[in-house]
Amino acid sequence: MGVIYQWLDVIWIPIALFIVTKEQRLFAVGFIAACMMMMRLQIELMQEIGFDRGFTNLMTSDSYDRGLVVYSVYYVAYLILAHYSPNTHGPVFIAGSISIFFLAFFTSTFVMML
């Protein structure tokens, strides 16, 4: 069961393929893959420095649970925005994807440090 839980966020890739338009699919999968990789890098960093439960220990969950919740919220927001803007393509959609990626990164970093 641990392996399934470790890769639980992969379920967002097929969901994204069904929600976004055909022209946006590659960007949506790239966004989710980049977020998955960044979350794992953040978790590894927190474990390596010895603060898997954060610097302040305000929350009892470990960094994986926190990252999974934060990034899942941003996946939902990203897919909702992509679904309701089907005519957005090219540089505008990429710029939105990058903006949401960095917003998710900074938010998850803050939550993991709590």
Protein backbone atom coordinates (compact mmCIF):
# COMPACT_ATOMS: atom_id res chain seq x y z
CA MET A 1 0.00 0.00 0.00
CA GLY A 2 2.96 2.33 0.59
CA VAL A 3 3.95 2.38 -3.08
CA ILE A 4 0.44 3.33 -4.14
CA TYR A 5 0.31 6.12 -1.56
CA GLN A 6 3.72 7.38 -2.65
CA TRP A 7 2.53 7.87 -6.24
CA LEU A 8 -1.03 8.99 -5.47
CA ASP A 9 -0.62 12.28 -7.33
CA VAL A 10 -0.11 10.48 -10.67
CA ILE A 11 -3.91 10.14 -10.83
CA TRP A 12 -4.05 13.82 -11.80
CA ILE A 13 -2.48 13.15 -15.22
CA PRO A 14 -5.41 11.16 -16.69
CA ILE A 15 -7.84 13.58 -15.06
CA ALA A 16 -6.05 16.46 -16.79
CA LEU A 17 -6.18 14.67 -20.13
CA PHE A 18 -9.98 14.49 -19.90
CA ILE A 19 -10.57 18.02 -18.63
CA VAL A 20 -8.40 20.26 -20.83
CA THR A 21 -8.71 20.78 -24.58
CA LYS A 22 -6.57 18.91 -27.08
CA GLU A 23 -4.24 21.88 -27.62
CA GLN A 24 -3.67 22.27 -23.87
CA ARG A 25 -2.98 18.62 -23.02
CA LEU A 26 0.78 18.70 -23.43
CA PHE A 27 1.09 21.80 -21.25
CA ALA A 28 -1.22 20.36 -18.58
CA VAL A 29 0.71 17.09 -18.38
CA GLY A 30 3.98 19.04 -18.29
CA PHE A 31 2.64 21.23 -15.50
CA ILE A 32 1.57 18.26 -13.40
CA ALA A 33 4.82 16.39 -14.04
CA ALA A 34 6.88 19.45 -13.10
CA CYS A 35 4.86 19.90 -9.90
CA MET A 36 5.26 16.22 -9.03
CA MET A 37 9.00 16.45 -9.48
CA MET A 38 9.26 19.68 -7.49
CA MET A 39 7.21 18.25 -4.64
CA ARG A 40 9.51 15.26 -4.40
CA LEU A 41 12.57 17.50 -4.46
CA GLN A 42 11.11 19.61 -1.65
CA ILE A 43 10.32 16.50 0.41
CA GLU A 44 13.82 15.15 -0.11
CA LEU A 45 15.30 18.48 0.96
CA MET A 46 13.19 18.58 4.13
CA GLN A 47 14.22 15.01 4.98
CA GLU A 48 17.91 15.66 4.31
CA ILE A 49 18.06 18.65 6.61
CA GLY A 50 16.28 16.67 9.31
CA PHE A 51 13.01 18.58 9.49
CA ASP A 52 10.53 16.17 7.91
CA ARG A 53 7.75 17.55 10.11
CA GLY A 54 8.71 21.19 9.57
CA PHE A 55 10.80 23.72 11.46
CA THR A 56 8.15 24.72 13.98
CA ASN A 57 6.33 21.38 14.47
CA LEU A 58 2.98 23.19 14.40
CA MET A 59 1.52 20.43 12.26
CA THR A 60 1.81 16.72 13.00
CA SER A 61 1.80 15.53 9.39
CA ASP A 62 4.98 14.86 7.47
CA SER A 63 6.16 16.84 4.46
CA TYR A 64 4.74 14.39 1.89
CA ASP A 65 1.19 14.77 3.23
CA ARG A 66 1.49 18.54 3.30
CA GLY A 67 2.92 18.69 -0.20
CA LEU A 68 0.28 16.35 -1.54
CA VAL A 69 -2.55 18.47 -0.15
CA VAL A 70 -1.09 21.79 -1.33
CA TYR A 71 -0.23 20.60 -4.81
CA SER A 72 -3.61 18.85 -5.18
CA VAL A 73 -5.35 22.13 -4.42
CA TYR A 74 -3.29 23.83 -7.12
CA TYR A 75 -3.94 20.98 -9.58
CA VAL A 76 -7.68 21.50 -9.09
CA ALA A 77 -7.36 25.27 -9.51
CA TYR A 78 -5.21 24.85 -12.63
CA LEU A 79 -7.59 22.37 -14.23
CA ILE A 80 -10.61 24.54 -13.48
CA LEU A 81 -8.92 27.57 -15.02
CA ALA A 82 -7.83 25.55 -18.06
CA HIS A 83 -11.29 24.09 -18.51
CA TYR A 84 -13.01 27.47 -18.41
CA SER A 85 -10.54 29.09 -20.81
CA PRO A 86 -10.53 26.72 -23.78
CA ASN A 87 -9.50 29.40 -26.27
CA THR A 88 -6.30 30.24 -24.43
CA HIS A 89 -3.31 28.82 -26.28
CA GLY A 90 0.40 29.37 -26.76
CA PRO A 91 2.36 31.89 -24.74
CA VAL A 92 -0.57 33.02 -22.63
CA PHE A 93 -1.35 29.48 -21.46
CA ILE A 94 2.33 28.76 -20.82
CA ALA A 95 2.66 31.97 -18.80
CA GLY A 96 -0.35 31.02 -16.71
CA SER A 97 1.05 27.54 -16.17
CA ILE A 98 4.41 28.89 -15.03
CA SER A 99 2.74 31.40 -12.72
CA ILE A 100 0.61 28.74 -11.05
CA PHE A 101 3.64 26.44 -10.81
CA PHE A 102 5.65 29.02 -8.88
CA LEU A 103 2.65 29.92 -6.73
CA ALA A 104 2.26 26.23 -5.82
CA PHE A 105 6.00 25.94 -5.17
CA PHE A 106 6.18 28.88 -2.78
CA THR A 107 2.97 27.90 -0.98
CA SER A 108 4.10 24.31 -0.49
CA THR A 109 7.51 25.47 0.72
CA PHE A 110 5.85 27.65 3.33
CA VAL A 111 3.46 24.89 4.43
CA MET A 112 6.26 22.32 4.60
CA MET A 113 8.28 24.64 6.82
CA LEU A 114 5.45 25.05 9.35
